[in-house]
Amino acid sequence: MTAAVTRYLLAVAAAGMLVSLMLPLLPEGSPRRVGNFVGSLLVILAVLSPLRSLDPSDMAEAIARIRTEGREAVTGVEVGSRELLAAIIKEDCEAYIWDKAQEMGLELEVVVTVDEGTGYPYPTGAVLTGAVTAAQREMLSRWMEENLGIAREEQEWRTM
């Protein structure tokens, strides 16, 4: 176990212990309910603390790896060529974005760029062409960042 994992587990355990020691000391009624709420927030913050340090490119690489491994598990075919793997990831990401846009009632052209670099290929950017409102753009942009790891700075929006 790495030092970072050990620190994380200790932080979560310490937050849990602090809350469990604090709650019995509070009087019944409103103070205990408030203490229970604050203690729950403390534990949640401790559990979610690693999310602060997430890097979109690391997340995109992990998502791409998981999807490819899932495809390999289902089909039983291992993808060996980096170029082929990058093409599959590009095609899948474009399809995911296009499907999401269709759900939102949008007609978009989607082109995804994939970094083949030294590590695992992952989506690094997207060019979206079509007429969208600011709200639709925000929703789709957030979805791409959360689900595909494509940072907002790497999303280029064009109108027809």
Protein backbone atom coordinates (compact mmCIF):
# COMPACT_ATOMS: atom_id res chain seq x y z
CA MET A 1 0.00 0.00 0.00
CA THR A 2 1.36 3.40 -0.96
CA ALA A 3 1.85 6.28 1.46
CA ALA A 4 -0.94 8.28 -0.21
CA VAL A 5 -3.44 5.45 0.26
CA THR A 6 -2.36 5.06 3.88
CA ARG A 7 -2.83 8.80 4.51
CA TYR A 8 -6.26 8.68 2.88
CA LEU A 9 -7.41 5.71 4.96
CA LEU A 10 -6.10 7.35 8.15
CA ALA A 11 -7.97 10.59 7.34
CA VAL A 12 -11.24 8.74 6.77
CA ALA A 13 -10.78 6.67 9.93
CA ALA A 14 -9.90 9.76 11.98
CA ALA A 15 -12.98 11.62 10.74
CA GLY A 16 -15.18 8.64 11.59
CA MET A 17 -13.67 8.28 15.04
CA LEU A 18 -14.00 12.00 15.76
CA VAL A 19 -17.68 11.93 14.83
CA SER A 20 -18.38 8.77 16.82
CA LEU A 21 -16.68 10.27 19.90
CA MET A 22 -18.39 13.66 19.51
CA LEU A 23 -22.01 12.56 19.07
CA PRO A 24 -22.56 10.87 22.48
CA LEU A 25 -21.34 14.05 24.20
CA LEU A 26 -24.07 16.19 22.65
CA PRO A 27 -27.46 16.60 24.37
CA GLU A 28 -30.55 15.04 22.80
CA GLY A 29 -32.64 17.06 20.40
CA SER A 30 -31.52 19.86 18.14
CA PRO A 31 -27.80 19.95 19.17
CA ARG A 32 -27.42 16.23 18.44
CA ARG A 33 -29.16 16.52 15.07
CA VAL A 34 -26.89 19.42 14.11
CA GLY A 35 -23.85 17.48 15.36
CA ASN A 36 -24.95 14.44 13.38
CA PHE A 37 -25.32 16.56 10.23
CA VAL A 38 -21.94 18.29 10.68
CA GLY A 39 -20.26 14.99 11.49
CA SER A 40 -21.75 13.37 8.39
CA LEU A 41 -20.44 16.24 6.26
CA LEU A 42 -16.99 15.82 7.82
CA VAL A 43 -16.89 12.12 6.96
CA ILE A 44 -18.18 12.77 3.42
CA LEU A 45 -15.49 15.41 2.87
CA ALA A 46 -12.83 13.01 4.10
CA VAL A 47 -14.07 10.26 1.78
CA LEU A 48 -14.28 12.59 -1.25
CA SER A 49 -10.98 14.40 -0.61
CA PRO A 50 -9.09 12.57 -3.42
CA LEU A 51 -11.43 14.11 -5.99
CA ARG A 52 -9.70 17.48 -5.48
CA SER A 53 -6.57 16.25 -7.17
CA LEU A 54 -8.16 14.60 -10.22
CA ASP A 55 -6.55 15.58 -13.49
CA PRO A 56 -8.91 15.45 -16.50
CA SER A 57 -6.28 13.81 -18.71
CA ASP A 58 -5.64 11.08 -16.10
CA MET A 59 -9.36 10.55 -15.79
CA ALA A 60 -9.78 10.38 -19.58
CA GLU A 61 -6.99 7.83 -19.83
CA ALA A 62 -8.56 5.69 -17.09
CA ILE A 63 -12.00 5.86 -18.74
CA ALA A 64 -10.54 4.86 -22.11
CA ARG A 65 -8.63 1.95 -20.54
CA ILE A 66 -11.73 0.68 -18.72
CA ARG A 67 -13.89 0.87 -21.84
CA THR A 68 -11.32 -0.95 -23.95
CA GLU A 69 -10.81 -3.64 -21.33
CA GLY A 70 -14.59 -4.06 -21.14
CA ARG A 71 -14.80 -4.43 -24.91
CA GLU A 72 -11.95 -6.96 -24.86
CA ALA A 73 -13.71 -8.94 -22.11
CA VAL A 74 -16.99 -9.04 -24.03
CA THR A 75 -15.56 -9.85 -27.46
CA GLY A 76 -12.60 -11.92 -26.31
CA VAL A 77 -10.42 -10.05 -28.82
CA GLU A 78 -7.41 -8.17 -27.50
CA VAL A 79 -6.64 -4.93 -29.26
CA GLY A 80 -2.89 -4.80 -29.78
CA SER A 81 -2.20 -2.01 -32.22
CA ARG A 82 -1.97 1.46 -30.66
CA GLU A 83 -3.32 3.06 -33.86
CA LEU A 84 -6.28 0.69 -33.96
CA LEU A 85 -6.95 1.25 -30.28
CA ALA A 86 -6.83 5.04 -30.74
CA ALA A 87 -9.22 4.78 -33.70
CA ILE A 88 -11.65 2.69 -31.64
CA ILE A 89 -11.53 5.16 -28.75
CA LYS A 90 -12.03 8.11 -31.14
CA GLU A 91 -15.00 6.44 -32.81
CA ASP A 92 -16.59 5.44 -29.50
CA CYS A 93 -16.21 8.91 -27.99
CA GLU A 94 -17.67 10.58 -31.08
CA ALA A 95 -20.61 8.17 -30.94
CA TYR A 96 -21.18 8.81 -27.20
CA ILE A 97 -21.15 12.57 -27.70
CA TRP A 98 -23.38 12.38 -30.78
CA ASP A 99 -25.87 10.13 -28.94
CA LYS A 100 -25.98 12.51 -25.97
CA ALA A 101 -26.50 15.46 -28.34
CA GLN A 102 -29.36 13.57 -30.04
CA GLU A 103 -30.97 12.97 -26.61
CA MET A 104 -30.83 16.73 -26.07
CA GLY A 105 -32.43 17.37 -29.50
CA LEU A 106 -29.22 18.72 -31.04
CA GLU A 107 -27.81 18.15 -34.50
CA LEU A 108 -24.02 18.29 -34.19
CA GLU A 109 -20.99 17.20 -36.11
CA VAL A 110 -18.45 15.77 -33.66
CA VAL A 111 -14.73 15.23 -34.14
CA VAL A 112 -12.69 13.91 -31.22
CA THR A 113 -8.90 14.05 -30.97
CA VAL A 114 -7.07 11.22 -29.24
CA ASP A 115 -3.61 11.34 -27.68
CA GLU A 116 -1.71 8.21 -28.65
CA GLY A 117 1.44 9.36 -26.74
CA THR A 118 3.50 6.95 -24.71
CA GLY A 119 0.71 5.79 -22.41
CA TYR A 120 -2.74 4.51 -23.12
CA PRO A 121 -4.66 6.38 -25.89
CA TYR A 122 -7.35 8.70 -24.50
CA PRO A 123 -9.56 11.53 -25.79
CA THR A 124 -7.94 14.94 -25.42
CA GLY A 125 -10.28 17.28 -27.26
CA ALA A 126 -13.44 17.69 -29.28
CA VAL A 127 -14.66 20.00 -32.03
CA LEU A 128 -18.45 20.34 -32.09
CA THR A 129 -20.19 22.06 -34.99
CA GLY A 130 -23.85 23.02 -34.90
CA ALA A 131 -26.39 25.47 -33.50
CA VAL A 132 -26.72 25.20 -29.72
CA THR A 133 -27.99 27.45 -26.96
CA ALA A 134 -25.73 28.47 -24.09
CA ALA A 135 -27.61 26.14 -21.72
CA GLN A 136 -27.31 23.16 -24.09
CA ARG A 137 -23.64 23.91 -24.63
CA GLU A 138 -23.02 24.06 -20.88
CA MET A 139 -24.88 20.79 -20.27
CA LEU A 140 -23.09 18.88 -23.04
CA SER A 141 -19.74 20.42 -22.11
CA ARG A 142 -20.14 19.31 -18.48
CA TRP A 143 -21.22 15.85 -19.63
CA MET A 144 -18.12 15.46 -21.85
CA GLU A 145 -15.85 16.56 -19.01
CA GLU A 146 -17.46 14.25 -16.44
CA ASN A 147 -17.97 11.19 -18.62
CA LEU A 148 -15.14 11.30 -21.14
CA GLY A 149 -12.55 13.41 -19.32
CA ILE A 150 -12.39 16.01 -22.10
CA ALA A 151 -11.55 19.28 -20.34
CA ARG A 152 -13.66 22.32 -21.20
CA GLU A 153 -10.54 24.10 -22.43
CA GLU A 154 -10.13 21.36 -25.04
CA GLN A 155 -13.69 21.64 -26.34
CA GLU A 156 -14.07 23.83 -29.43
CA TRP A 157 -17.59 24.94 -30.35
CA ARG A 158 -18.36 26.13 -33.87
CA THR A 159 -21.60 27.32 -35.44
CA MET A 160 -22.75 26.32 -38.91
